[in-house]
PDB file of N, CA and C in Angstrom:
ATOM      1  N   UNK A   1      -1.954   6.825 -32.765  1.00  0.00           N
ATOM      2  CA  UNK A   1      -3.566   6.865 -32.756  1.00  0.00           C
ATOM      3  C   UNK A   1      -4.163   6.037 -31.823  1.00  0.00           C
ATOM      4  N   UNK A   2      -3.704   4.900 -31.555  1.00  0.00           N
ATOM      5  CA  UNK A   2      -4.197   3.918 -30.706  1.00  0.00           C
ATOM      6  C   UNK A   2      -4.173   4.395 -29.369  1.00  0.00           C
ATOM      7  N   UNK A   3      -3.224   5.160 -28.930  1.00  0.00           N
ATOM      8  CA  UNK A   3      -3.196   5.859 -27.553  1.00  0.00           C
ATOM      9  C   UNK A   3      -4.027   6.849 -27.371  1.00  0.00           C
ATOM     10  N   UNK A   4      -4.467   7.716 -28.293  1.00  0.00           N
ATOM     11  CA  UNK A   4      -5.534   8.712 -28.293  1.00  0.00           C
ATOM     12  C   UNK A   4      -6.845   8.060 -28.294  1.00  0.00           C
ATOM     13  N   UNK A   5      -7.091   6.994 -29.095  1.00  0.00           N
ATOM     14  CA  UNK A   5      -8.285   6.151 -28.797  1.00  0.00           C
ATOM     15  C   UNK A   5      -8.558   5.875 -27.441  1.00  0.00           C
ATOM     16  N   UNK A   6      -7.461   5.198 -26.982  1.00  0.00           N
ATOM     17  CA  UNK A   6      -7.709   4.528 -25.521  1.00  0.00           C
ATOM     18  C   UNK A   6      -7.850   5.642 -24.503  1.00  0.00           C
ATOM     19  N   UNK A   7      -7.244   6.741 -24.638  1.00  0.00           N
ATOM     20  CA  UNK A   7      -7.208   7.864 -23.643  1.00  0.00           C
ATOM     21  C   UNK A   7      -8.711   8.378 -23.849  1.00  0.00           C
ATOM     22  N   UNK A   8      -9.297   8.454 -25.037  1.00  0.00           N
ATOM     23  CA  UNK A   8     -10.732   9.094 -25.269  1.00  0.00           C
ATOM     24  C   UNK A   8     -11.672   8.053 -24.535  1.00  0.00           C
ATOM     25  N   UNK A   9     -11.408   6.696 -24.693  1.00  0.00           N
ATOM     26  CA  UNK A   9     -12.252   5.591 -24.252  1.00  0.00           C
ATOM     27  C   UNK A   9     -12.039   5.847 -22.577  1.00  0.00           C
ATOM     28  N   UNK A  10     -11.051   6.146 -22.236  1.00  0.00           N
ATOM     29  CA  UNK A  10     -10.882   6.307 -20.627  1.00  0.00           C
ATOM     30  C   UNK A  10     -11.848   7.486 -20.399  1.00  0.00           C
ATOM     31  N   UNK A  11     -11.732   8.457 -20.923  1.00  0.00           N
ATOM     32  CA  UNK A  11     -12.619   9.762 -20.647  1.00  0.00           C
ATOM     33  C   UNK A  11     -14.217   9.564 -20.533  1.00  0.00           C
ATOM     34  N   UNK A  12     -14.515   8.731 -21.808  1.00  0.00           N
ATOM     35  CA  UNK A  12     -16.025   8.156 -21.874  1.00  0.00           C
ATOM     36  C   UNK A  12     -16.224   7.412 -20.734  1.00  0.00           C
ATOM     37  N   UNK A  13     -15.583   6.320 -20.375  1.00  0.00           N
ATOM     38  CA  UNK A  13     -15.887   5.546 -19.314  1.00  0.00           C
ATOM     39  C   UNK A  13     -15.975   6.323 -17.885  1.00  0.00           C
ATOM     40  N   UNK A  14     -15.031   7.255 -17.713  1.00  0.00           N
ATOM     41  CA  UNK A  14     -15.159   7.921 -16.411  1.00  0.00           C
ATOM     42  C   UNK A  14     -16.270   8.805 -16.364  1.00  0.00           C
ATOM     43  N   UNK A  15     -16.744   9.494 -17.488  1.00  0.00           N
ATOM     44  CA  UNK A  15     -17.948  10.261 -17.653  1.00  0.00           C
ATOM     45  C   UNK A  15     -19.351   9.470 -17.508  1.00  0.00           C
ATOM     46  N   UNK A  16     -19.287   8.406 -18.103  1.00  0.00           N
ATOM     47  CA  UNK A  16     -20.506   7.293 -17.981  1.00  0.00           C
ATOM     48  C   UNK A  16     -20.555   6.803 -16.476  1.00  0.00           C
ATOM     49  N   UNK A  17     -19.460   6.504 -15.846  1.00  0.00           N
ATOM     50  CA  UNK A  17     -19.574   5.958 -14.493  1.00  0.00           C
ATOM     51  C   UNK A  17     -20.088   7.029 -13.658  1.00  0.00           C
ATOM     52  N   UNK A  18     -19.585   8.345 -13.870  1.00  0.00           N
ATOM     53  CA  UNK A  18     -20.223   9.392 -13.015  1.00  0.00           C
ATOM     54  C   UNK A  18     -21.450   9.630 -13.369  1.00  0.00           C
ATOM     55  N   UNK A  19     -21.856   9.756 -14.432  1.00  0.00           N
ATOM     56  CA  UNK A  19     -23.312   9.780 -14.860  1.00  0.00           C
ATOM     57  C   UNK A  19     -24.325   8.862 -14.119  1.00  0.00           C
ATOM     58  N   UNK A  20     -23.851   7.401 -14.334  1.00  0.00           N
ATOM     59  CA  UNK A  20     -24.682   6.366 -13.665  1.00  0.00           C
ATOM     60  C   UNK A  20     -24.750   6.606 -12.285  1.00  0.00           C
ATOM     61  N   UNK A  21     -23.658   6.882 -11.717  1.00  0.00           N
ATOM     62  CA  UNK A  21     -23.625   7.090 -10.097  1.00  0.00           C
ATOM     63  C   UNK A  21     -24.622   8.257  -9.794  1.00  0.00           C
ATOM     64  N   UNK A  22     -24.506   9.211 -10.553  1.00  0.00           N
ATOM     65  CA  UNK A  22     -25.440  10.402 -10.202  1.00  0.00           C
ATOM     66  C   UNK A  22     -26.988  10.057 -10.377  1.00  0.00           C
ATOM     67  N   UNK A  23     -27.312   9.192 -11.408  1.00  0.00           N
ATOM     68  CA  UNK A  23     -28.666   8.761 -11.573  1.00  0.00           C
ATOM     69  C   UNK A  23     -29.145   8.062 -10.691  1.00  0.00           C
ATOM     70  N   UNK A  24     -28.249   7.137 -10.101  1.00  0.00           N
ATOM     71  CA  UNK A  24     -28.642   6.209  -8.998  1.00  0.00           C
ATOM     72  C   UNK A  24     -28.551   6.869  -7.568  1.00  0.00           C
ATOM     73  N   UNK A  25     -27.957   8.082  -7.577  1.00  0.00           N
ATOM     74  CA  UNK A  25     -27.948   8.906  -6.299  1.00  0.00           C
ATOM     75  C   UNK A  25     -26.918   8.087  -5.316  1.00  0.00           C
ATOM     76  N   UNK A  26     -25.810   7.658  -5.815  1.00  0.00           N
ATOM     77  CA  UNK A  26     -24.778   6.951  -5.070  1.00  0.00           C
ATOM     78  C   UNK A  26     -23.583   8.008  -4.903  1.00  0.00           C
ATOM     79  N   UNK A  27     -22.662   7.621  -4.188  1.00  0.00           N
ATOM     80  CA  UNK A  27     -21.488   8.492  -3.860  1.00  0.00           C
ATOM     81  C   UNK A  27     -20.546   8.641  -5.218  1.00  0.00           C
ATOM     82  N   UNK A  28     -20.256   9.685  -5.471  1.00  0.00           N
ATOM     83  CA  UNK A  28     -19.307   9.949  -6.583  1.00  0.00           C
ATOM     84  C   UNK A  28     -17.928   9.234  -6.460  1.00  0.00           C
ATOM     85  N   UNK A  29     -17.481   8.974  -5.196  1.00  0.00           N
ATOM     86  CA  UNK A  29     -16.349   8.228  -4.789  1.00  0.00           C
ATOM     87  C   UNK A  29     -16.477   6.799  -5.442  1.00  0.00           C
ATOM     88  N   UNK A  30     -17.554   6.396  -5.441  1.00  0.00           N
ATOM     89  CA  UNK A  30     -17.693   4.973  -5.799  1.00  0.00           C
ATOM     90  C   UNK A  30     -17.398   4.943  -7.481  1.00  0.00           C
ATOM     91  N   UNK A  31     -18.005   5.834  -8.177  1.00  0.00           N
ATOM     92  CA  UNK A  31     -17.550   5.937  -9.713  1.00  0.00           C
ATOM     93  C   UNK A  31     -15.994   5.804  -9.857  1.00  0.00           C
ATOM     94  N   UNK A  32     -15.398   6.760  -9.069  1.00  0.00           N
ATOM     95  CA  UNK A  32     -13.827   6.902  -9.152  1.00  0.00           C
ATOM     96  C   UNK A  32     -13.262   5.601  -8.799  1.00  0.00           C
ATOM     97  N   UNK A  33     -13.481   4.841  -7.822  1.00  0.00           N
ATOM     98  CA  UNK A  33     -13.011   3.739  -7.475  1.00  0.00           C
ATOM     99  C   UNK A  33     -13.274   2.558  -8.607  1.00  0.00           C
ATOM    100  N   UNK A  34     -14.413   2.536  -9.103  1.00  0.00           N
ATOM    101  CA  UNK A  34     -14.783   1.512 -10.029  1.00  0.00           C
ATOM    102  C   UNK A  34     -13.928   1.808 -11.310  1.00  0.00           C
ATOM    103  N   UNK A  35     -13.997   3.160 -11.550  1.00  0.00           N
ATOM    104  CA  UNK A  35     -13.173   3.374 -12.871  1.00  0.00           C
ATOM    105  C   UNK A  35     -11.749   3.147 -12.559  1.00  0.00           C
ATOM    106  N   UNK A  36     -11.078   3.182 -11.519  1.00  0.00           N
ATOM    107  CA  UNK A  36      -9.720   2.948 -11.352  1.00  0.00           C
ATOM    108  C   UNK A  36      -9.503   1.497 -11.641  1.00  0.00           C
ATOM    109  N   UNK A  37     -10.285   0.655 -10.942  1.00  0.00           N
ATOM    110  CA  UNK A  37     -10.086  -0.682 -11.043  1.00  0.00           C
ATOM    111  C   UNK A  37     -10.490  -1.259 -12.510  1.00  0.00           C
ATOM    112  N   UNK A  38     -11.450  -0.707 -13.140  1.00  0.00           N
ATOM    113  CA  UNK A  38     -11.607  -1.243 -14.538  1.00  0.00           C
ATOM    114  C   UNK A  38     -10.538  -0.658 -15.529  1.00  0.00           C
ATOM    115  N   UNK A  39     -10.202   0.698 -15.350  1.00  0.00           N
ATOM    116  CA  UNK A  39      -9.063   1.054 -16.184  1.00  0.00           C
ATOM    117  C   UNK A  39      -7.737   0.345 -15.854  1.00  0.00           C
ATOM    118  N   UNK A  40      -7.307   0.026 -14.653  1.00  0.00           N
ATOM    119  CA  UNK A  40      -6.278  -0.779 -14.496  1.00  0.00           C
ATOM    120  C   UNK A  40      -6.183  -2.017 -15.072  1.00  0.00           C
ATOM    121  N   UNK A  41      -7.257  -2.682 -14.991  1.00  0.00           N
ATOM    122  CA  UNK A  41      -7.522  -4.013 -15.790  1.00  0.00           C
ATOM    123  C   UNK A  41      -7.457  -3.783 -17.411  1.00  0.00           C
ATOM    124  N   UNK A  42      -8.041  -2.721 -17.917  1.00  0.00           N
ATOM    125  CA  UNK A  42      -7.917  -2.374 -19.285  1.00  0.00           C
ATOM    126  C   UNK A  42      -6.553  -2.048 -19.903  1.00  0.00           C
ATOM    127  N   UNK A  43      -5.784  -1.227 -19.002  1.00  0.00           N
ATOM    128  CA  UNK A  43      -4.480  -0.917 -19.185  1.00  0.00           C
ATOM    129  C   UNK A  43      -3.453  -2.050 -19.222  1.00  0.00           C
ATOM    130  N   UNK A  44      -3.627  -2.874 -18.110  1.00  0.00           N
ATOM    131  CA  UNK A  44      -2.747  -3.976 -18.072  1.00  0.00           C
ATOM    132  C   UNK A  44      -2.939  -5.018 -19.291  1.00  0.00           C
ATOM    133  N   UNK A  45      -4.233  -5.218 -19.560  1.00  0.00           N
ATOM    134  CA  UNK A  45      -4.500  -6.092 -20.859  1.00  0.00           C
ATOM    135  C   UNK A  45      -3.847  -5.427 -22.093  1.00  0.00           C
ATOM    136  N   UNK A  46      -3.908  -4.178 -22.220  1.00  0.00           N
ATOM    137  CA  UNK A  46      -3.418  -3.380 -23.332  1.00  0.00           C
ATOM    138  C   UNK A  46      -1.724  -3.781 -23.269  1.00  0.00           C
ATOM    139  N   UNK A  47      -1.179  -3.695 -22.184  1.00  0.00           N
ATOM    140  CA  UNK A  47       0.170  -3.886 -22.025  1.00  0.00           C
ATOM    141  C   UNK A  47       0.636  -5.436 -22.374  1.00  0.00           C
ATOM    142  N   UNK A  48      -0.098  -6.270 -21.868  1.00  0.00           N
ATOM    143  CA  UNK A  48      -0.027  -7.594 -21.964  1.00  0.00           C
ATOM    144  C   UNK A  48      -0.034  -7.911 -23.456  1.00  0.00           C
ATOM    145  N   UNK A  49      -1.226  -7.548 -24.164  1.00  0.00           N
ATOM    146  CA  UNK A  49      -1.340  -7.669 -25.683  1.00  0.00           C
ATOM    147  C   UNK A  49      -0.219  -7.045 -26.421  1.00  0.00           C
ATOM    148  N   UNK A  50       0.288  -5.876 -25.891  1.00  0.00           N
ATOM    149  CA  UNK A  50       1.440  -5.407 -26.875  1.00  0.00           C
ATOM    150  C   UNK A  50       2.677  -6.335 -26.714  1.00  0.00           C
ATOM    151  N   UNK A  51       2.872  -6.948 -25.679  1.00  0.00           N
ATOM    152  CA  UNK A  51       4.051  -7.797 -25.304  1.00  0.00           C
ATOM    153  C   UNK A  51       3.757  -9.059 -26.027  1.00  0.00           C
ATOM    154  N   UNK A  52       2.597  -9.659 -25.909  1.00  0.00           N
ATOM    155  CA  UNK A  52       2.500 -11.066 -26.310  1.00  0.00           C
ATOM    156  C   UNK A  52       2.322 -10.996 -27.937  1.00  0.00           C
ATOM    157  N   UNK A  53       1.220 -10.237 -28.284  1.00  0.00           N
ATOM    158  CA  UNK A  53       0.930 -10.288 -29.768  1.00  0.00           C
ATOM    159  C   UNK A  53       1.718  -9.263 -30.820  1.00  0.00           C
ATOM    160  N   UNK A  54       2.058  -8.097 -30.184  1.00  0.00           N
ATOM    161  CA  UNK A  54       2.828  -7.137 -31.099  1.00  0.00           C
ATOM    162  C   UNK A  54       4.472  -7.416 -30.883  1.00  0.00           C
ATOM    163  N   UNK A  55       4.841  -8.192 -29.869  1.00  0.00           N
ATOM    164  CA  UNK A  55       6.236  -8.493 -29.722  1.00  0.00           C
ATOM    165  C   UNK A  55       7.116  -7.450 -29.062  1.00  0.00           C
ATOM    166  N   UNK A  56       6.304  -6.361 -28.357  1.00  0.00           N
ATOM    167  CA  UNK A  56       7.092  -5.313 -27.598  1.00  0.00           C
ATOM    168  C   UNK A  56       7.543  -5.911 -26.313  1.00  0.00           C
ATOM    169  N   UNK A  57       8.577  -5.350 -26.041  1.00  0.00           N
ATOM    170  CA  UNK A  57       9.203  -5.839 -24.480  1.00  0.00           C
ATOM    171  C   UNK A  57       8.458  -4.925 -23.459  1.00  0.00           C
ATOM    172  N   UNK A  58       8.731  -5.490 -22.292  1.00  0.00           N
ATOM    173  CA  UNK A  58       8.337  -4.660 -20.906  1.00  0.00           C
ATOM    174  C   UNK A  58       8.800  -3.224 -20.941  1.00  0.00           C
ATOM    175  N   UNK A  59       9.995  -3.057 -21.159  1.00  0.00           N
ATOM    176  CA  UNK A  59      10.658  -1.711 -21.223  1.00  0.00           C
ATOM    177  C   UNK A  59      10.155  -0.881 -22.362  1.00  0.00           C
ATOM    178  N   UNK A  60       9.553  -1.394 -23.343  1.00  0.00           N
ATOM    179  CA  UNK A  60       8.831  -0.646 -24.406  1.00  0.00           C
ATOM    180  C   UNK A  60       7.519  -0.424 -24.009  1.00  0.00           C
ATOM    181  N   UNK A  61       6.885  -1.278 -23.377  1.00  0.00           N
ATOM    182  CA  UNK A  61       5.452  -1.178 -22.988  1.00  0.00           C
ATOM    183  C   UNK A  61       5.035  -0.380 -21.767  1.00  0.00           C
ATOM    184  N   UNK A  62       6.205  -0.320 -20.835  1.00  0.00           N
ATOM    185  CA  UNK A  62       5.980   0.196 -19.618  1.00  0.00           C
ATOM    186  C   UNK A  62       5.714   1.908 -19.767  1.00  0.00           C
ATOM    187  N   UNK A  63       6.335   2.582 -20.536  1.00  0.00           N
ATOM    188  CA  UNK A  63       6.083   4.058 -20.694  1.00  0.00           C
ATOM    189  C   UNK A  63       4.518   4.234 -21.249  1.00  0.00           C
ATOM    190  N   UNK A  64       4.169   3.330 -22.086  1.00  0.00           N
ATOM    191  CA  UNK A  64       2.965   3.328 -22.741  1.00  0.00           C
ATOM    192  C   UNK A  64       1.803   3.285 -21.759  1.00  0.00           C
ATOM    193  N   UNK A  65       1.970   2.191 -20.752  1.00  0.00           N
ATOM    194  CA  UNK A  65       1.118   1.783 -19.778  1.00  0.00           C
ATOM    195  C   UNK A  65       1.045   2.912 -18.744  1.00  0.00           C
ATOM    196  N   UNK A  66       2.117   3.594 -18.321  1.00  0.00           N
ATOM    197  CA  UNK A  66       2.080   4.761 -17.461  1.00  0.00           C
ATOM    198  C   UNK A  66       1.223   5.806 -17.867  1.00  0.00           C
ATOM    199  N   UNK A  67       1.301   6.099 -19.320  1.00  0.00           N
ATOM    200  CA  UNK A  67       0.626   7.187 -19.649  1.00  0.00           C
ATOM    201  C   UNK A  67      -0.974   6.856 -19.873  1.00  0.00           C
ATOM    202  N   UNK A  68      -1.271   5.538 -20.395  1.00  0.00           N
ATOM    203  CA  UNK A  68      -2.474   5.018 -20.402  1.00  0.00           C
ATOM    204  C   UNK A  68      -3.246   5.015 -19.401  1.00  0.00           C
ATOM    205  N   UNK A  69      -2.558   4.568 -18.245  1.00  0.00           N
ATOM    206  CA  UNK A  69      -3.320   4.287 -16.885  1.00  0.00           C
ATOM    207  C   UNK A  69      -3.007   5.706 -16.007  1.00  0.00           C
ATOM    208  N   UNK A  70      -1.871   6.196 -16.055  1.00  0.00           N
ATOM    209  CA  UNK A  70      -1.784   7.312 -15.429  1.00  0.00           C
ATOM    210  C   UNK A  70      -2.525   8.717 -15.531  1.00  0.00           C
ATOM    211  N   UNK A  71      -2.445   9.173 -16.780  1.00  0.00           N
ATOM    212  CA  UNK A  71      -3.225  10.365 -17.037  1.00  0.00           C
ATOM    213  C   UNK A  71      -4.849  10.104 -16.608  1.00  0.00           C
ATOM    214  N   UNK A  72      -5.520   9.247 -17.144  1.00  0.00           N
ATOM    215  CA  UNK A  72      -6.975   8.960 -16.656  1.00  0.00           C
ATOM    216  C   UNK A  72      -6.902   8.785 -15.087  1.00  0.00           C
ATOM    217  N   UNK A  73      -6.172   8.153 -14.510  1.00  0.00           N
ATOM    218  CA  UNK A  73      -6.408   7.995 -12.962  1.00  0.00           C
ATOM    219  C   UNK A  73      -6.007   9.314 -12.390  1.00  0.00           C
ATOM    220  N   UNK A  74      -5.297  10.305 -12.813  1.00  0.00           N
ATOM    221  CA  UNK A  74      -5.004  11.422 -12.319  1.00  0.00           C
ATOM    222  C   UNK A  74      -6.224  12.284 -12.419  1.00  0.00           C
ATOM    223  N   UNK A  75      -6.667  12.276 -13.673  1.00  0.00           N
ATOM    224  CA  UNK A  75      -8.118  13.039 -14.032  1.00  0.00           C
ATOM    225  C   UNK A  75      -9.202  12.516 -12.988  1.00  0.00           C
ATOM    226  N   UNK A  76      -9.196  11.081 -12.902  1.00  0.00           N
ATOM    227  CA  UNK A  76     -10.304  10.616 -12.028  1.00  0.00           C
ATOM    228  C   UNK A  76     -10.274  11.235 -10.614  1.00  0.00           C
ATOM    229  N   UNK A  77      -8.851  11.186 -10.023  1.00  0.00           N
ATOM    230  CA  UNK A  77      -8.659  11.518  -8.601  1.00  0.00           C
ATOM    231  C   UNK A  77      -8.876  12.975  -8.578  1.00  0.00           C
ATOM    232  N   UNK A  78      -8.567  13.893  -9.602  1.00  0.00           N
ATOM    233  CA  UNK A  78      -8.747  15.276  -9.341  1.00  0.00           C
ATOM    234  C   UNK A  78     -10.393  15.590  -9.562  1.00  0.00           C
ATOM    235  N   UNK A  79     -10.803  15.052 -10.433  1.00  0.00           N
ATOM    236  CA  UNK A  79     -12.420  15.099 -10.594  1.00  0.00           C
ATOM    237  C   UNK A  79     -13.005  14.679  -9.191  1.00  0.00           C
ATOM    238  N   UNK A  80     -12.568  13.744  -8.576  1.00  0.00           N
ATOM    239  CA  UNK A  80     -13.230  13.079  -7.313  1.00  0.00           C
ATOM    240  C   UNK A  80     -12.749  14.317  -6.168  1.00  0.00           C
ATOM    241  N   UNK A  81     -11.659  14.798  -6.305  1.00  0.00           N
ATOM    242  CA  UNK A  81     -11.292  15.717  -5.220  1.00  0.00           C
ATOM    243  C   UNK A  81     -12.104  17.039  -5.443  1.00  0.00           C
ATOM    244  N   UNK A  82     -12.282  17.398  -6.671  1.00  0.00           N
ATOM    245  CA  UNK A  82     -13.013  18.811  -6.876  1.00  0.00           C
ATOM    246  C   UNK A  82     -14.678  18.477  -6.544  1.00  0.00           C
ATOM    247  N   UNK A  83     -15.117  17.293  -6.833  1.00  0.00           N
ATOM    248  CA  UNK A  83     -16.539  17.021  -6.436  1.00  0.00           C
ATOM    249  C   UNK A  83     -16.799  16.932  -4.923  1.00  0.00           C
ATOM    250  N   UNK A  84     -15.623  16.357  -4.173  1.00  0.00           N
ATOM    251  CA  UNK A  84     -15.795  16.160  -2.750  1.00  0.00           C
ATOM    252  C   UNK A  84     -15.672  17.540  -2.126  1.00  0.00           C
ATOM    253  N   UNK A  85     -14.783  18.556  -2.845  1.00  0.00           N
ATOM    254  CA  UNK A  85     -14.696  19.778  -2.168  1.00  0.00           C
ATOM    255  C   UNK A  85     -15.836  20.857  -2.473  1.00  0.00           C
ATOM    256  N   UNK A  86     -16.619  20.431  -3.516  1.00  0.00           N
ATOM    257  CA  UNK A  86     -17.820  21.339  -3.817  1.00  0.00           C
ATOM    258  C   UNK A  86     -19.064  21.162  -2.979  1.00  0.00           C
ATOM    259  N   UNK A  87     -18.896  20.115  -2.377  1.00  0.00           N
ATOM    260  CA  UNK A  87     -20.238  19.575  -1.481  1.00  0.00           C
ATOM    261  C   UNK A  87     -20.132  20.055   0.053  1.00  0.00           C
TER     262      UNK A  87
END
């Protein structure tokens, strides 16, 4: 359930950043870059929290990290590619 919530949060963050960038008439690439850095930090914090507080090992947390960071990152890059090719 936590993974689903975090993936939904990633989608909301990405959509919000693209909305703000569009309102400010900035490059959509900026939204993708900012999202990737913010989401990397959030995913890394989640992995650290799982290891320190929940007691999981790196081997247990790494696949979760790859899903939590990888899927939204791929979506952000695909969205950026689609937006760049449509202009």
